[in-house]
Protein backbone atom coordinates (compact mmCIF):
# COMPACT_ATOMS: atom_id res chain seq x y z
CA MET A 1 34.93 3.42 -4.09
CA ASN A 2 37.09 0.34 -4.81
CA LYS A 3 36.87 -1.42 -8.16
CA LYS A 4 34.99 -4.46 -6.85
CA LEU A 5 32.33 -2.31 -5.23
CA GLU A 6 32.22 -0.06 -8.27
CA LYS A 7 31.46 -3.09 -10.44
CA ILE A 8 28.48 -4.24 -8.37
CA TYR A 9 27.28 -0.78 -7.30
CA PRO A 10 24.81 -0.41 -10.22
CA TRP A 11 22.93 -3.38 -8.76
CA ILE A 12 23.20 -1.93 -5.26
CA VAL A 13 21.44 1.15 -6.65
CA VAL A 14 18.62 -1.07 -7.95
CA ALA A 15 18.36 -2.76 -4.54
CA LEU A 16 18.30 0.57 -2.70
CA LEU A 17 15.63 2.02 -4.98
CA TRP A 18 13.60 -1.21 -4.91
CA VAL A 19 12.86 -0.52 -1.24
CA VAL A 20 11.87 3.07 -2.04
CA ALA A 21 9.55 1.82 -4.80
CA LEU A 22 7.94 -0.59 -2.34
CA LEU A 23 7.36 2.22 0.20
CA ASN A 24 6.06 4.49 -2.57
CA TYR A 25 3.18 2.21 -3.49
CA MET A 26 2.57 0.78 -0.02
CA ASP A 27 2.15 4.20 1.62
CA ARG A 28 -0.32 5.34 -1.02
CA GLN A 29 -2.20 2.02 -1.26
CA MET A 30 -2.84 1.05 2.36
CA LEU A 31 -5.36 3.86 2.83
CA SER A 32 -7.75 2.02 0.48
CA THR A 33 -8.10 -0.87 2.96
CA MET A 34 -8.15 1.20 6.18
CA ARG A 35 -11.26 3.27 5.43
CA GLU A 36 -13.61 1.60 7.90
CA TYR A 37 -11.15 2.02 10.76
CA ILE A 38 -10.45 5.68 10.00
CA ALA A 39 -14.20 6.30 9.58
CA GLN A 40 -14.74 5.33 13.20
CA ASP A 41 -12.90 8.53 14.15
CA ILE A 42 -13.53 10.69 11.06
CA SER A 43 -17.21 10.19 10.27
CA GLN A 44 -17.13 11.79 6.79
CA LEU A 45 -15.30 8.73 5.48
CA GLN A 46 -18.42 6.65 6.08
CA SER A 47 -19.53 8.06 2.72
CA ALA A 48 -17.98 6.17 -0.20
CA GLU A 49 -18.19 9.33 -2.30
CA ALA A 50 -16.15 11.25 0.30
CA PHE A 51 -13.61 8.44 0.33
CA GLY A 52 -13.45 8.65 -3.45
CA VAL A 53 -12.68 12.37 -3.14
CA LEU A 54 -9.88 11.59 -0.67
CA MET A 55 -8.34 9.01 -2.98
CA GLY A 56 -8.90 11.27 -5.99
CA ILE A 57 -7.13 14.32 -4.55
CA PHE A 58 -3.87 12.38 -4.54
CA LEU A 59 -4.35 11.48 -8.19
CA TRP A 60 -5.23 15.02 -9.28
CA ILE A 61 -2.15 16.53 -7.63
CA TYR A 62 0.02 13.68 -8.93
CA ALA A 63 -1.33 14.37 -12.44
CA ILE A 64 -0.65 18.12 -12.27
CA VAL A 65 2.94 17.65 -11.09
CA SER A 66 3.86 14.79 -13.46
CA PRO A 67 4.59 16.81 -16.66
CA PHE A 68 7.20 18.83 -14.79
CA ALA A 69 8.68 16.00 -12.71
CA GLY A 70 10.90 14.76 -15.55
CA THR A 71 12.14 18.27 -16.28
CA VAL A 72 13.08 18.74 -12.62
CA ALA A 73 14.90 15.38 -12.58
CA ASP A 74 16.95 16.44 -15.63
CA ARG A 75 18.11 19.65 -13.94
CA LEU A 76 18.67 18.78 -10.27
CA SER A 77 20.48 16.01 -8.41
CA ARG A 78 18.44 12.86 -8.73
CA LYS A 79 19.88 11.49 -5.51
CA TRP A 80 18.58 14.42 -3.48
CA LEU A 81 15.24 14.43 -5.29
CA ILE A 82 14.79 10.76 -4.37
CA VAL A 83 15.88 11.32 -0.76
CA GLY A 84 13.72 14.43 -0.43
CA SER A 85 10.71 12.81 -2.07
CA LEU A 86 10.87 9.78 0.22
CA ALA A 87 11.39 11.94 3.31
CA VAL A 88 8.43 14.20 2.50
CA TRP A 89 5.90 11.47 1.73
CA SER A 90 7.06 9.52 4.80
CA ILE A 91 6.58 12.56 7.03
CA VAL A 92 3.16 13.00 5.45
CA THR A 93 2.35 9.36 6.24
CA LEU A 94 3.46 9.92 9.83
CA LEU A 95 1.32 13.06 10.15
CA MET A 96 -1.76 11.29 8.76
CA GLY A 97 -1.77 9.28 11.97
CA TYR A 98 -2.46 12.51 13.86
CA CYS A 99 -5.37 13.63 11.67
CA THR A 100 -8.72 14.30 13.35
CA THR A 101 -10.61 15.87 10.42
CA PHE A 102 -11.36 15.02 6.81
CA SER A 103 -9.84 18.32 5.69
CA GLN A 104 -6.49 17.46 7.29
CA LEU A 105 -6.43 14.14 5.47
CA LYS A 106 -7.14 15.86 2.15
CA TRP A 107 -4.31 18.36 2.55
CA LEU A 108 -1.82 15.68 3.49
CA ARG A 109 -2.98 13.37 0.70
CA GLY A 110 -2.41 16.21 -1.79
CA LEU A 111 1.09 16.83 -0.45
CA MET A 112 1.81 13.12 -0.82
CA GLY A 113 0.80 13.41 -4.49
CA ILE A 114 3.45 16.10 -5.07
CA SER A 115 6.27 14.23 -3.34
CA GLU A 116 5.53 10.83 -4.89
CA ALA A 117 5.24 12.26 -8.41
CA LEU A 118 8.88 13.36 -8.21
CA TYR A 119 10.18 9.88 -7.45
CA ILE A 120 9.54 7.79 -10.59
CA PRO A 121 11.32 9.98 -13.22
CA SER A 122 14.32 10.48 -10.92
CA SER A 123 14.69 6.80 -10.05
CA LEU A 124 14.21 5.44 -13.57
CA SER A 125 16.65 7.99 -14.97
CA LEU A 126 19.28 7.10 -12.36
CA ILE A 127 18.87 3.36 -12.98
CA ALA A 128 19.12 3.89 -16.74
CA ASP A 129 22.41 5.79 -16.31
CA TYR A 130 23.90 3.06 -14.14
CA HIS A 131 22.75 0.27 -16.48
CA SER A 132 23.25 0.14 -20.22
CA GLY A 133 22.87 -2.50 -22.91
CA LYS A 134 21.62 -5.88 -21.78
CA SER A 135 21.19 -5.01 -18.10
CA ARG A 136 18.96 -1.93 -18.50
CA SER A 137 15.63 -3.69 -19.07
CA LEU A 138 16.36 -6.22 -16.35
CA ALA A 139 17.30 -3.48 -13.88
CA VAL A 140 14.16 -1.45 -14.60
CA GLY A 141 12.04 -4.60 -14.43
CA ILE A 142 13.42 -5.54 -11.02
CA HIS A 143 12.62 -2.01 -9.82
CA MET A 144 9.02 -2.46 -11.02
CA THR A 145 8.63 -5.53 -8.82
CA GLY A 146 9.07 -3.22 -5.84
CA LEU A 147 6.07 -1.21 -7.00
CA TYR A 148 3.93 -4.32 -7.38
CA LEU A 149 4.97 -5.76 -4.02
CA GLY A 150 4.29 -2.41 -2.37
CA GLN A 151 0.80 -2.46 -3.86
CA ALA A 152 0.27 -5.97 -2.54
CA MET A 153 1.55 -5.15 0.94
CA GLY A 154 -0.71 -2.11 1.04
CA GLY A 155 -3.58 -4.59 1.07
CA PHE A 156 -2.63 -5.53 4.63
CA GLY A 157 -3.41 -2.04 5.91
CA ALA A 158 -6.65 -3.24 7.48
CA ASN A 159 -4.86 -6.09 9.22
CA LEU A 160 -2.33 -3.71 10.74
CA ALA A 161 -5.03 -1.21 11.68
CA SER A 162 -6.90 -4.00 13.43
CA ALA A 163 -3.83 -5.28 15.28
CA LEU A 164 -2.49 -1.83 16.22
CA SER A 165 -4.65 1.11 15.17
CA TRP A 166 -4.90 3.12 11.97
CA GLN A 167 -2.96 5.93 13.68
CA GLN A 168 -0.07 3.71 14.72
CA THR A 169 0.02 2.08 11.28
CA PHE A 170 0.60 5.48 9.67
CA HIS A 171 3.11 6.40 12.38
CA TRP A 172 5.27 3.31 11.95
CA PHE A 173 5.45 3.40 8.17
CA GLY A 174 6.24 7.10 8.30
CA ILE A 175 9.09 6.47 10.72
CA ILE A 176 10.43 3.61 8.58
CA GLY A 177 10.43 5.84 5.49
CA VAL A 178 12.21 8.71 7.22
CA ALA A 179 14.85 6.33 8.61
CA TYR A 180 15.42 4.82 5.16
CA ALA A 181 15.79 8.31 3.66
CA VAL A 182 18.67 8.87 6.09
CA ILE A 183 20.27 5.60 4.93
CA LEU A 184 20.03 6.75 1.30
CA VAL A 185 21.86 9.97 2.14
CA PHE A 186 24.99 7.90 2.82
CA CYS A 187 24.47 4.95 0.44
CA LEU A 188 22.96 6.37 -2.76
CA LYS A 189 25.33 8.05 -5.21
CA GLU A 190 24.67 10.16 -8.27
CA ASN A 191 26.18 8.71 -11.45
CA ARG A 192 28.61 11.55 -12.17
CA LYS A 193 30.49 9.56 -14.83
CA ALA A 194 27.58 10.06 -17.22
CA ALA A 195 27.53 13.83 -16.69
CA PRO A 196 29.98 14.89 -19.45
CA LYS A 197 28.30 12.71 -22.05
CA GLU A 198 24.86 13.94 -20.97
CA GLN A 199 25.97 17.55 -21.20
CA VAL A 200 27.18 17.07 -24.77
CA ALA A 201 23.97 15.31 -25.74
CA ALA A 202 21.86 17.89 -23.95
CA THR A 203 23.33 20.92 -25.77
CA PRO A 204 20.76 21.05 -28.62
CA VAL A 205 17.92 20.30 -26.20
CA LYS A 206 18.68 23.46 -24.21
CA LYS A 207 18.09 25.56 -27.35
CA GLU A 208 14.62 24.08 -27.72
CA SER A 209 12.08 25.83 -25.52
CA ILE A 210 9.70 23.88 -23.34
CA TRP A 211 6.73 25.18 -25.29
CA LYS A 212 8.26 24.15 -28.62
CA SER A 213 8.82 20.67 -27.18
CA PHE A 214 5.17 20.54 -26.19
CA ALA A 215 4.15 21.63 -29.69
CA LEU A 216 6.30 18.96 -31.36
CA ILE A 217 4.83 16.23 -29.16
CA PHE A 218 1.20 17.20 -29.69
CA SER A 219 1.62 17.63 -33.45
CA ASN A 220 2.26 13.87 -33.58
CA ILE A 221 -0.99 12.00 -34.37
CA ALA A 222 0.45 8.73 -33.06
CA PHE A 223 1.09 10.37 -29.69
CA TRP A 224 -2.58 11.33 -29.43
CA ALA A 225 -3.50 7.68 -30.01
CA ILE A 226 -0.98 6.55 -27.38
CA LEU A 227 -2.33 9.17 -25.01
CA PHE A 228 -5.89 7.93 -25.55
CA PHE A 229 -5.29 4.22 -25.04
CA PHE A 230 -2.96 4.87 -22.09
CA ALA A 231 -5.53 7.09 -20.38
CA SER A 232 -8.43 4.74 -21.12
CA SER A 233 -6.53 1.73 -19.80
CA SER A 234 -5.39 3.63 -16.72
CA MET A 235 -8.99 3.92 -15.53
CA PRO A 236 -9.43 0.21 -14.71
CA GLY A 237 -5.87 0.17 -13.36
CA TRP A 238 -6.67 2.81 -10.76
CA ALA A 239 -10.14 1.35 -10.17
CA THR A 240 -8.63 -1.98 -9.09
CA LYS A 241 -6.07 -0.23 -6.86
CA ASN A 242 -8.59 1.98 -5.07
CA TRP A 243 -11.91 0.10 -5.13
CA LEU A 244 -11.32 -3.61 -5.71
CA PRO A 245 -10.85 -4.36 -1.98
CA THR A 246 -14.19 -2.68 -1.28
CA LEU A 247 -15.88 -4.56 -4.13
CA PHE A 248 -14.55 -7.92 -2.92
CA GLN A 249 -15.56 -7.13 0.65
CA GLY A 250 -19.16 -6.65 -0.46
CA SER A 251 -19.46 -9.27 -3.21
CA LEU A 252 -17.71 -12.02 -1.24
CA ASN A 253 -19.20 -10.93 2.09
CA ILE A 254 -15.85 -11.08 3.87
CA PRO A 255 -14.07 -8.62 6.20
CA MET A 256 -11.61 -6.11 4.76
CA GLU A 257 -8.77 -7.94 6.52
CA GLN A 258 -9.35 -10.72 3.98
CA ALA A 259 -10.68 -8.73 1.02
CA GLY A 260 -7.72 -6.31 0.97
CA PRO A 261 -4.97 -8.94 0.65
CA ILE A 262 -7.00 -11.03 -1.82
CA ALA A 263 -7.51 -8.04 -4.11
CA THR A 264 -4.06 -6.48 -3.92
CA ILE A 265 -1.90 -9.62 -3.81
CA THR A 266 -3.78 -11.28 -6.67
CA ILE A 267 -3.46 -8.25 -8.95
CA ALA A 268 0.13 -7.44 -7.97
CA ALA A 269 1.47 -11.00 -8.31
CA ALA A 270 -0.31 -11.49 -11.64
CA SER A 271 0.95 -8.11 -12.90
CA LEU A 272 4.50 -9.16 -12.10
CA LEU A 273 3.95 -12.32 -14.13
CA GLY A 274 2.56 -10.20 -16.96
CA VAL A 275 5.68 -8.01 -16.96
CA LEU A 276 7.94 -11.07 -17.10
CA ILE A 277 5.90 -12.46 -20.02
CA GLY A 278 5.23 -9.24 -21.91
CA GLY A 279 8.75 -7.78 -21.76
CA PRO A 280 10.68 -10.66 -23.36
CA LEU A 281 7.83 -11.45 -25.79
CA SER A 282 7.79 -7.85 -27.02
CA ASP A 283 11.59 -7.73 -27.38
CA ARG A 284 11.58 -10.87 -29.53
CA TRP A 285 8.48 -10.05 -31.55
CA VAL A 286 9.62 -6.56 -32.56
CA LYS A 287 12.71 -8.06 -34.23
CA LYS A 288 10.41 -9.84 -36.70
CA ASN A 289 7.60 -7.27 -36.87
CA LEU A 290 7.84 -3.59 -35.89
CA LYS A 291 4.29 -3.78 -34.61
CA GLY A 292 5.26 -6.58 -32.22
CA ARG A 293 5.27 -4.29 -29.18
CA VAL A 294 1.82 -2.99 -30.09
CA TYR A 295 0.54 -6.54 -30.53
CA THR A 296 1.99 -7.65 -27.18
CA SER A 297 0.31 -4.72 -25.44
CA ALA A 298 -2.91 -5.51 -27.32
CA ILE A 299 -2.87 -9.09 -26.01
CA GLY A 300 -2.72 -7.64 -22.51
CA LEU A 301 -5.66 -5.31 -23.14
CA THR A 302 -7.63 -8.19 -24.65
CA MET A 303 -7.15 -10.18 -21.43
CA MET A 304 -8.29 -7.23 -19.32
CA ILE A 305 -11.69 -6.93 -21.04
CA PRO A 306 -13.31 -10.22 -19.90
CA ALA A 307 -11.49 -9.92 -16.57
CA LEU A 308 -13.22 -6.61 -15.81
CA VAL A 309 -16.62 -8.04 -16.73
CA LEU A 310 -16.01 -11.07 -14.51
CA ILE A 311 -14.77 -8.86 -11.65
CA GLY A 312 -17.91 -6.76 -11.85
CA LEU A 313 -20.59 -9.38 -12.54
CA GLY A 314 -19.06 -12.64 -11.31
CA SER A 315 -19.75 -14.28 -7.96
CA GLY A 316 -17.74 -16.41 -5.60
CA LEU A 317 -14.12 -16.47 -4.47
CA ALA A 318 -12.91 -18.63 -7.37
CA ALA A 319 -14.33 -16.22 -9.94
CA ALA A 320 -12.87 -13.23 -8.11
CA VAL A 321 -9.38 -14.70 -7.97
CA ALA A 322 -9.51 -15.94 -11.58
CA ALA A 323 -10.64 -12.51 -12.78
CA GLY A 324 -7.92 -10.82 -10.72
CA VAL A 325 -5.23 -13.08 -12.17
CA LEU A 326 -6.44 -12.55 -15.74
CA PHE A 327 -6.60 -8.79 -15.25
CA GLY A 328 -3.19 -8.64 -13.57
CA VAL A 329 -1.36 -10.62 -16.24
CA GLY A 330 -2.99 -8.52 -18.96
CA TYR A 331 -2.22 -5.25 -17.20
CA GLY A 332 1.42 -6.27 -16.68
CA MET A 333 1.83 -7.03 -20.39
CA PHE A 334 0.27 -3.67 -21.22
CA ASP A 335 2.21 -1.72 -18.57
CA THR A 336 5.67 -3.02 -19.50
CA ASN A 337 5.25 -1.96 -23.14
CA ASN A 338 4.08 1.64 -22.74
CA MET A 339 7.52 3.25 -22.80
CA PRO A 340 8.90 0.94 -25.56
CA ILE A 341 5.90 1.82 -27.75
CA LEU A 342 6.41 5.52 -27.04
CA CYS A 343 10.03 5.14 -28.18
CA GLN A 344 8.77 4.02 -31.59
CA PHE A 345 6.97 7.32 -32.18
CA VAL A 346 8.71 10.00 -30.08
CA PRO A 347 12.43 10.96 -30.34
CA GLY A 348 14.69 10.48 -27.34
CA ARG A 349 15.00 14.14 -26.41
CA LEU A 350 11.21 14.40 -25.93
CA ARG A 351 10.34 11.06 -24.31
CA ALA A 352 10.49 12.13 -20.66
CA THR A 353 8.21 15.08 -21.39
CA ALA A 354 5.87 12.90 -23.46
CA TYR A 355 5.67 10.26 -20.74
CA GLY A 356 4.97 13.00 -18.24
CA PHE A 357 1.89 14.01 -20.24
CA MET A 358 0.83 10.36 -20.50
CA ASN A 359 1.14 10.05 -16.74
CA THR A 360 -0.84 13.25 -16.24
CA VAL A 361 -3.77 12.22 -18.42
CA GLY A 362 -3.74 8.63 -17.13
CA VAL A 363 -3.73 9.68 -13.49
CA ALA A 364 -6.34 12.40 -14.11
CA MET A 365 -8.67 9.82 -15.68
CA GLY A 366 -7.94 7.59 -12.71
CA ALA A 367 -8.96 10.39 -10.37
CA VAL A 368 -12.25 10.90 -12.21
CA CYS A 369 -12.88 7.17 -12.25
CA THR A 370 -12.07 6.87 -8.53
CA GLN A 371 -14.60 9.56 -7.59
CA VAL A 372 -17.30 8.25 -9.95
CA LEU A 373 -16.89 4.75 -8.54
CA GLY A 374 -17.36 6.21 -5.07
CA ARG A 375 -20.80 7.46 -6.11
CA MET A 376 -21.55 4.11 -7.77
CA GLN A 377 -20.62 2.33 -4.54
CA ASP A 378 -23.01 4.53 -2.56
CA GLY A 379 -25.72 3.59 -5.06
CA GLY A 380 -24.91 -0.12 -4.91
CA HIS A 381 -23.64 -0.34 -8.50
CA LEU A 382 -19.87 -0.71 -8.06
CA GLY A 383 -19.79 -4.12 -9.76
CA ALA A 384 -21.62 -2.82 -12.83
CA ALA A 385 -19.16 0.07 -13.05
CA PHE A 386 -16.24 -2.38 -13.29
CA ALA A 387 -18.01 -4.21 -16.12
CA VAL A 388 -18.47 -0.91 -17.99
CA LEU A 389 -14.73 -0.31 -17.73
CA GLY A 390 -14.33 -3.44 -19.84
CA VAL A 391 -16.12 -1.61 -22.66
CA VAL A 392 -13.79 1.39 -22.25
CA THR A 393 -10.78 -0.94 -22.48
CA ALA A 394 -12.18 -2.47 -25.68
CA LEU A 395 -12.33 1.00 -27.23
CA ALA A 396 -8.72 1.63 -26.22
CA LEU A 397 -7.72 -1.65 -27.87
CA LEU A 398 -9.46 -0.66 -31.10
CA VAL A 399 -7.64 2.69 -31.27
CA GLN A 400 -4.30 1.07 -30.48
CA LEU A 401 -4.55 -1.53 -33.25
CA THR A 402 -5.91 0.76 -35.96
CA VAL A 403 -3.85 3.94 -35.51
CA LEU A 404 -0.38 2.85 -34.39
CA ARG A 405 1.84 1.88 -37.34
CA PRO A 406 5.50 2.12 -36.27
CA THR A 407 8.26 2.48 -38.87
CA THR A 408 11.14 2.09 -36.41
CA ASP A 409 11.75 0.66 -32.94
CA ASP A 410 13.79 3.65 -31.79
CA MET A 411 12.79 7.00 -33.28
CA GLN A 412 15.64 9.51 -33.42
């Protein structure tokens, strides 16, 4: 690699992984808007509760795998984990287009949960090794925009299913993912320059057993508080991803081809804005007050509370969009500060493991919420359920503000 290319390659890595991030969220999200088309061929999906089970199985498997995903990424080649993860979930997406039974969809959705759970720790770790100092937050933030855009584009699943078919929609995105995995084989490089330094730093970590690491994390009262507010706030996050298109379709009396994009694009675009506001605000605030990151996150949670009530009980397109924007900005401010807050209470050698547990509990609560909302939809109470999630978020806010008292911005 020549010097000029070597200088810009860290940003090429971000660009390459940005596309993978987009496919990651798009492939998982588009199912939420294609239900009525798939239900024409697989009748069990006519039940909202059954659809909730299908969406939930992905989350349960994702949650189970997450605590170990970071450990795997620390021990194996991140390049090949990323390539393999993308290839597997893309093949799964392709195969979903051939499904004829509900059981087949469930098995494939579970396999997608395993493969997608391996991507995030590998990609973020690789980006962090290529970027240090001032460029690290920017690089990670740009990568996050791929996730948000993928979520937004997933909202067009119904449009594609209408124009082509739900089978062909799965086929094409599966093929695109497999083809891009082949491109990554030749274009994505492991950051071997960091290996010697990592090995030196990793020496004491190897002497610490996995179970002792778990014990150290869970003996930290602050971590329990972080775990609680992260899990509680994840419930409305997953609820909007999996059920907001359905809620808007019913409350606004519009077809899914319109409801899907309105729901996903509004939330995703607003979340991106929230990240761009919450990241810099937190970085500046913490220099003056160590609780600045907590306060920035708390502002985001505060915005989410009335947004959820308005989403659930409001009426009309203007109210729906306004609520979506308010929720998205708040969620972005909350989401961008989770890892920085964790860094204030958990030492560096345990952060990946700690975040894995946060992801597990957050996704597990999302799975429960997804299935419960399916039953609420069947009973005609989906809007009320969203309003109740506002109360849950208020409780998370209370715990966050009263328990978390950081003494440093980077615990060693």
